[in-house]
Amino acid sequence: MAKAGSKLIWSPRTNISLYGDTAQVVTYDNMGVTIALGTDWIYSGSANMLRELACVDFLNTTYYGGHFTDFAIWKMATYNSALALGLHGVVGSLANG
């Protein structure tokens, strides 16, 4: 995936609610895959990105040994998501211009 430039859009709350597991994000991160954060739908997932971020923080702290920094998690929800959608030239970051 990393070699091909693929992006992973991760929706952990839905994954765990429906399947009891989620993507092997630490492995993907170690391989250099861009991970974006999103929500699937409110029936089994998060109603908004803040709840999804809380889920990621819980997983990161409880199961991933703090692998992801707060900055990396924030980037998943902002720039990486814009990058995954091909919108990184117009949204996803604060920059001059």
Foldseek 3Di string as FASTA:
>chain_A
DQVVQAAAEWFPQLCCQPPVDTDPVLVCVVVPHQYAYDHDDVVRGDPDVVVSLVVVVCCCVPPVVVSDPPVSSLQNHFQSVCVNVVNNVPTRDDDDD
